[in-house]
């Protein structure tokens, strides 16, 4: 009897090891393997969000996020293939398998992390409020709470939630693309264009007599690379790349190239 019990125990252990080995094999990265088979790395990004991303006269994407995507593709010895999307489509592109990763001024949040994965951040931003320079009635945060003020937000972006949380009863006008915000502000369709601090400052820098920023930064947001959920090896590889990118100084140099000033918060 004892001998039979030992035999059964050994058989169970062997079955457990075999089962674990099968699970481990199934857990191997399929995202990278599929990309290697294609020879391309599919990168979802927003088509008009300068200086993160824009489309040049030749119809090719360029910008800070685009260069990051090209550097990752080069490190993996793959050809970059950019998949253009809007703010709301950044998650869907990963869930539907249209993209291997998303680099699109994408804020890492708890809610988003329930359905996709994120690397460590590569830049830190905060929410600021952009208004026309001739709006003498909009100078402080309290001025933004006046009845009738309209805020233009990107559909699916973090400002959509943040403005409502910061200002009770805020009237939101929602856009599909970041490029729709400034024309709406100029035409009077909206009074305020909430945006991340880097984009807002870039707009004012380029047009100092046309726009101003209401003083203050009202959120802390970590921009990171989005990945399909459940692929640990793919996350591990890209997170290691991001850590090296931050610590080596390459990120700081690339940031200065596109924004024209030093990165406000150094990451490593």
Protein backbone atom coordinates (compact mmCIF):
# COMPACT_ATOMS: atom_id res chain seq x y z
CA UNK A 1 0.00 0.00 0.00
CA UNK A 2 2.72 2.46 0.98
CA UNK A 3 4.63 1.66 -2.21
CA UNK A 4 1.46 2.26 -4.27
CA UNK A 5 0.87 5.59 -2.53
CA UNK A 6 4.43 6.72 -3.33
CA UNK A 7 3.92 5.73 -6.96
CA UNK A 8 0.68 7.75 -7.09
CA UNK A 9 2.35 10.74 -5.43
CA UNK A 10 5.21 10.67 -7.95
CA UNK A 11 2.72 10.44 -10.80
CA UNK A 12 0.78 13.42 -9.45
CA UNK A 13 4.01 15.42 -9.07
CA UNK A 14 5.01 14.57 -12.62
CA UNK A 15 1.59 15.62 -13.89
CA UNK A 16 1.89 18.89 -11.97
CA UNK A 17 5.31 19.62 -13.44
CA UNK A 18 4.01 18.80 -16.91
CA UNK A 19 0.99 21.06 -16.36
CA UNK A 20 3.19 23.92 -15.10
CA UNK A 21 5.46 23.50 -18.09
CA UNK A 22 2.47 23.76 -20.43
CA UNK A 23 1.25 26.93 -18.71
CA UNK A 24 4.73 28.45 -18.86
CA UNK A 25 5.01 27.64 -22.54
CA UNK A 26 1.60 29.17 -23.25
CA UNK A 27 2.62 32.31 -21.34
CA UNK A 28 5.45 33.05 -23.73
CA UNK A 29 5.15 36.32 -25.61
CA UNK A 30 2.94 36.02 -28.67
CA UNK A 31 3.02 39.76 -29.45
CA UNK A 32 6.75 39.80 -30.13
CA UNK A 33 6.64 36.48 -31.97
CA UNK A 34 3.92 37.74 -34.29
CA UNK A 35 5.79 40.98 -34.89
CA UNK A 36 8.95 39.05 -35.76
CA UNK A 37 7.02 36.88 -38.22
CA UNK A 38 5.67 40.01 -39.94
CA UNK A 39 8.95 41.87 -39.68
CA UNK A 40 7.06 44.98 -38.53
CA UNK A 41 6.20 46.61 -35.21
CA UNK A 42 2.70 48.11 -35.34
CA UNK A 43 2.56 51.30 -33.26
CA UNK A 44 -0.74 53.08 -32.58
CA UNK A 45 -0.45 56.86 -32.28
CA UNK A 46 -2.58 59.99 -32.63
CA UNK A 47 -2.18 61.74 -35.97
CA UNK A 48 -2.33 65.34 -34.78
CA UNK A 49 -0.97 66.17 -31.34
CA UNK A 50 2.12 68.27 -31.94
CA UNK A 51 4.89 67.99 -30.80
CA UNK A 52 4.12 64.42 -29.67
CA UNK A 53 2.88 63.47 -33.11
CA UNK A 54 2.01 65.22 -36.35
CA UNK A 55 1.85 64.31 -40.02
CA UNK A 56 4.34 66.09 -42.29
CA UNK A 57 3.88 67.34 -45.86
CA UNK A 58 4.83 63.89 -47.19
CA UNK A 59 2.04 62.25 -45.21
CA UNK A 60 4.49 60.65 -42.78
CA UNK A 61 4.11 60.79 -38.99
CA UNK A 62 6.79 62.60 -37.00
CA UNK A 63 7.28 63.86 -33.47
CA UNK A 64 8.47 62.86 -30.01
CA UNK A 65 6.24 59.78 -29.70
CA UNK A 66 7.01 58.75 -33.29
CA UNK A 67 10.75 58.85 -32.67
CA UNK A 68 10.30 56.73 -29.55
CA UNK A 69 8.44 54.15 -31.62
CA UNK A 70 11.18 54.12 -34.25
CA UNK A 71 13.84 53.61 -31.58
CA UNK A 72 11.97 50.64 -30.07
CA UNK A 73 11.52 49.08 -33.50
CA UNK A 74 15.24 49.50 -34.24
CA UNK A 75 16.17 47.88 -30.92
CA UNK A 76 14.00 44.88 -31.85
CA UNK A 77 15.33 44.84 -35.45
CA UNK A 78 11.83 45.43 -36.82
CA UNK A 79 10.37 47.95 -39.26
CA UNK A 80 8.04 50.51 -37.60
CA UNK A 81 4.48 50.61 -38.93
CA UNK A 82 2.34 53.43 -37.54
CA UNK A 83 -1.38 52.90 -37.01
CA UNK A 84 -3.16 56.27 -36.83
CA UNK A 85 -6.01 56.52 -34.34
CA UNK A 86 -7.85 59.05 -32.17
CA UNK A 87 -7.77 59.43 -28.39
CA UNK A 88 -10.58 56.96 -27.77
CA UNK A 89 -9.09 54.39 -30.15
CA UNK A 90 -5.79 54.01 -28.34
CA UNK A 91 -7.12 51.19 -26.16
CA UNK A 92 -9.23 49.54 -28.89
CA UNK A 93 -6.19 49.27 -31.19
CA UNK A 94 -4.52 47.04 -28.57
CA UNK A 95 -7.62 45.04 -27.67
CA UNK A 96 -8.45 44.21 -31.29
CA UNK A 97 -4.89 43.27 -32.22
CA UNK A 98 -4.46 46.14 -34.69
CA UNK A 99 -1.40 47.41 -32.80
CA UNK A 100 1.40 45.83 -30.77
CA UNK A 101 1.81 48.93 -28.60
CA UNK A 102 0.43 52.44 -28.26
CA UNK A 103 2.65 55.52 -27.97
CA UNK A 104 0.31 58.51 -28.03
CA UNK A 105 0.73 60.84 -25.03
CA UNK A 106 -1.11 58.06 -23.20
CA UNK A 107 -1.70 58.55 -19.47
CA UNK A 108 -1.35 55.46 -17.28
CA UNK A 109 -4.44 55.20 -15.06
CA UNK A 110 -5.99 52.53 -12.85
CA UNK A 111 -9.13 52.37 -15.02
CA UNK A 112 -7.16 51.83 -18.22
CA UNK A 113 -4.89 49.34 -16.51
CA UNK A 114 -7.91 47.10 -15.93
CA UNK A 115 -8.10 46.36 -19.66
CA UNK A 116 -4.56 46.96 -21.00
CA UNK A 117 -1.02 47.07 -19.62
CA UNK A 118 1.43 49.98 -19.33
CA UNK A 119 5.18 50.31 -19.09
CA UNK A 120 6.86 52.66 -16.65
CA UNK A 121 6.34 56.32 -17.64
CA UNK A 122 8.65 58.12 -20.03
CA UNK A 123 7.45 61.66 -19.29
CA UNK A 124 5.33 63.42 -16.64
CA UNK A 125 2.66 66.01 -17.44
CA UNK A 126 -0.17 67.80 -15.69
CA UNK A 127 -3.49 69.33 -16.72
CA UNK A 128 -3.49 73.03 -17.57
CA UNK A 129 -6.20 75.33 -18.93
CA UNK A 130 -5.55 77.16 -22.20
CA UNK A 131 -7.62 80.23 -23.11
CA UNK A 132 -7.50 83.04 -25.65
CA UNK A 133 -5.18 85.86 -24.60
CA UNK A 134 -7.93 88.42 -25.11
CA UNK A 135 -10.20 86.75 -22.54
CA UNK A 136 -9.73 89.31 -19.77
CA UNK A 137 -12.41 87.56 -17.72
CA UNK A 138 -10.45 84.30 -17.46
CA UNK A 139 -7.36 84.79 -15.32
CA UNK A 140 -7.69 82.44 -12.35
CA UNK A 141 -8.99 78.95 -11.65
CA UNK A 142 -12.04 80.43 -9.90
CA UNK A 143 -12.89 82.29 -13.11
CA UNK A 144 -13.29 78.93 -14.84
CA UNK A 145 -16.16 78.06 -12.48
CA UNK A 146 -18.41 80.82 -13.84
CA UNK A 147 -21.74 79.66 -15.31
CA UNK A 148 -21.75 79.11 -19.07
CA UNK A 149 -18.03 78.38 -19.48
CA UNK A 150 -17.48 75.63 -22.06
CA UNK A 151 -14.50 73.27 -21.93
CA UNK A 152 -13.27 71.45 -25.03
CA UNK A 153 -11.92 67.97 -24.26
CA UNK A 154 -10.62 65.06 -26.31
CA UNK A 155 -13.06 62.16 -26.24
CA UNK A 156 -11.40 59.31 -24.35
CA UNK A 157 -8.65 61.55 -22.94
CA UNK A 158 -7.99 62.09 -19.24
CA UNK A 159 -9.18 65.73 -19.39
CA UNK A 160 -12.71 64.44 -20.02
CA UNK A 161 -12.79 62.99 -16.50
CA UNK A 162 -10.47 65.48 -14.77
CA UNK A 163 -12.37 68.65 -15.69
CA UNK A 164 -15.64 67.22 -14.39
CA UNK A 165 -13.92 66.24 -11.15
CA UNK A 166 -12.23 69.62 -10.68
CA UNK A 167 -15.18 71.83 -11.66
CA UNK A 168 -18.69 70.81 -10.59
CA UNK A 169 -21.22 71.04 -13.37
CA UNK A 170 -18.63 71.82 -16.05
CA UNK A 171 -20.01 71.95 -19.60
CA UNK A 172 -17.92 69.68 -21.81
CA UNK A 173 -17.69 69.88 -25.59
CA UNK A 174 -16.08 66.64 -26.78
CA UNK A 175 -13.80 66.24 -29.80
CA UNK A 176 -12.50 63.11 -31.51
CA UNK A 177 -9.05 64.55 -32.26
CA UNK A 178 -6.75 66.97 -30.40
CA UNK A 179 -6.44 69.07 -33.57
CA UNK A 180 -10.11 70.10 -33.20
CA UNK A 181 -9.52 71.96 -29.94
CA UNK A 182 -7.72 75.11 -31.06
CA UNK A 183 -10.07 75.92 -33.96
CA UNK A 184 -12.99 75.56 -31.53
CA UNK A 185 -11.27 77.91 -29.08
CA UNK A 186 -10.56 80.45 -31.84
CA UNK A 187 -14.14 80.36 -33.14
CA UNK A 188 -15.69 80.76 -29.69
CA UNK A 189 -17.28 77.31 -29.73
CA UNK A 190 -15.46 76.72 -26.43
CA UNK A 191 -14.02 79.09 -23.84
CA UNK A 192 -11.30 76.87 -22.41
CA UNK A 193 -9.14 74.14 -23.92
CA UNK A 194 -7.80 71.89 -21.12
CA UNK A 195 -4.64 70.12 -22.22
CA UNK A 196 -1.53 68.49 -20.86
CA UNK A 197 1.07 70.98 -19.69
CA UNK A 198 3.60 70.20 -22.43
CA UNK A 199 1.13 70.73 -25.28
CA UNK A 200 -0.37 73.85 -23.68
CA UNK A 201 3.06 75.41 -23.16
CA UNK A 202 4.10 74.54 -26.70
CA UNK A 203 1.01 76.29 -28.09
CA UNK A 204 1.67 79.44 -26.05
CA UNK A 205 5.35 79.42 -26.98
CA UNK A 206 4.46 79.35 -30.69
CA UNK A 207 1.62 81.91 -30.35
CA UNK A 208 2.41 84.13 -27.31
CA UNK A 209 0.02 86.94 -28.30
CA UNK A 210 -2.92 84.67 -29.06
CA UNK A 211 -3.13 82.31 -26.07
CA UNK A 212 -2.41 82.19 -22.36
CA UNK A 213 -2.46 79.55 -19.63
CA UNK A 214 -4.54 80.01 -16.51
CA UNK A 215 -1.94 79.72 -13.68
CA UNK A 216 -1.60 76.32 -12.06
CA UNK A 217 -1.16 72.64 -12.88
CA UNK A 218 -4.07 70.54 -11.68
CA UNK A 219 -3.20 66.87 -12.15
CA UNK A 220 -0.19 64.55 -12.09
CA UNK A 221 -0.13 62.27 -15.13
CA UNK A 222 2.39 59.64 -16.18
CA UNK A 223 2.64 59.17 -19.93
CA UNK A 224 3.54 55.56 -20.70
CA UNK A 225 3.49 53.00 -23.49
CA UNK A 226 0.30 50.96 -23.71
CA UNK A 227 0.44 47.20 -24.36
CA UNK A 228 -2.05 44.35 -24.79
CA UNK A 229 -3.06 42.86 -21.45
CA UNK A 230 -1.79 39.44 -20.39
CA UNK A 231 1.50 39.27 -22.29
CA UNK A 232 4.05 39.40 -19.48
CA UNK A 233 7.14 38.82 -21.64
CA UNK A 234 6.18 41.65 -23.99
CA UNK A 235 5.71 43.97 -21.01
CA UNK A 236 9.00 42.82 -19.49
CA UNK A 237 10.96 43.52 -22.68
CA UNK A 238 9.44 46.94 -23.33
CA UNK A 239 9.60 48.02 -19.70
CA UNK A 240 13.32 47.20 -19.67
CA UNK A 241 13.72 49.33 -22.81
CA UNK A 242 11.88 52.28 -21.22
CA UNK A 243 14.00 52.08 -18.07
CA UNK A 244 17.20 52.20 -20.12
CA UNK A 245 15.79 54.95 -22.36
CA UNK A 246 15.11 57.12 -19.29
CA UNK A 247 18.36 56.39 -17.43
CA UNK A 248 20.73 56.72 -20.38
CA UNK A 249 19.87 60.34 -21.18
CA UNK A 250 18.44 59.41 -24.59
CA UNK A 251 14.96 60.40 -23.48
CA UNK A 252 16.09 63.80 -22.20
CA UNK A 253 17.91 64.49 -25.48
CA UNK A 254 14.93 63.44 -27.59
CA UNK A 255 12.57 65.54 -25.48
CA UNK A 256 14.72 68.65 -25.95
CA UNK A 257 14.86 68.02 -29.70
CA UNK A 258 11.06 68.21 -30.00
CA UNK A 259 10.09 70.60 -27.21
CA UNK A 260 13.08 72.95 -27.28
CA UNK A 261 13.75 72.91 -23.53
CA UNK A 262 14.90 70.49 -20.84
CA UNK A 263 12.50 67.84 -19.61
CA UNK A 264 10.79 69.24 -16.47
CA UNK A 265 10.94 65.96 -14.51
CA UNK A 266 13.89 63.62 -15.07
CA UNK A 267 13.04 59.92 -14.97
CA UNK A 268 15.40 57.00 -14.45
